C-alpha cells in the first residue's frame, strides 16, 4: 500500500509539472502560431482575434486562463494571484480588443452591432494589464520563495530565481513601454506585437522553469531505493 501511495503521489507531481510546462509552452508559441496562420504582420497579439487564427487565439488564452483559475499553488497568496490571473485571461480571450478590422467583429461569439467600442476594448485592455501584472508578480515574488531554512543556500534554486527575476523585470519593462505608447505612440506599427510577444516569452519561460522543463536548473533528485512491484 505504501509503495502504491508513493507511486500515486509521484504521478500527481509529474502531472502537475507537465501542466506547468504546457502552460509555458502555449504562452511562448501562441504569438508565432498566429503570425504563421495569418501570413502577415500583426499590430498586437490580441489582433489575432480577427484573423484566421481566431479560434487558436481564444483557445490558447482560455487554456492558460483555466489552468490559472484552478492552480492551487502553495498557499493562499498563490491561490488568490492565480485566480485573479485566470479570470483576467478568460476576459482577454472573450472580450475582443478595439484593434483589427471592425467588419469582422462577429467572427467568433456573435459580436456585432452590440460591440460598444467605448466599453469592451477597455475591458480587454484592463484585463490584459491585470493578467501581465499578476504574471510579473508570480515571477518577482511568488516563484522565488523557498522552503530552505534561513542561512542555507540552494545553488539551483538561486539560478532559477535569477530567471524568475529576469522574466518579471522584462514583463514590467514591456508593460511600462506599452503604457507610454498608449499616451504617446512610439513603438511603431508592430511595436505592440513585439512587446506583447516578449512578455509572453518571459511568461512562458518562467512557467517552464517552474515546471522543471530545463534540466540544468532542476535540483538533483535524492536517490531512492527501487520500489517493489505491486501485485497484478
Foldseek 3Di string as FASTA:
>chain_A
DVLVVVVVVVVVLLVVLVLLLVLLVLLQCQLVVLCVQQVHADQASLLSCQGPCNVVSLVSLLSNLVCLCPPDADDDVSNVLSNLLSVLSNLLSPQRAPDYDLVCLCVPPHDDPPNDNVPRNVSNVVSVVSNLLSLLCCLQPVQLDDPDDPPDDDVLSVVLNVLSNVLSVLSVVLVVVVVVCVVPNDQPRRRNHVSSSSNSNSSSVNSNVVSVVDVVSDDDDDDDDDDDDDDD
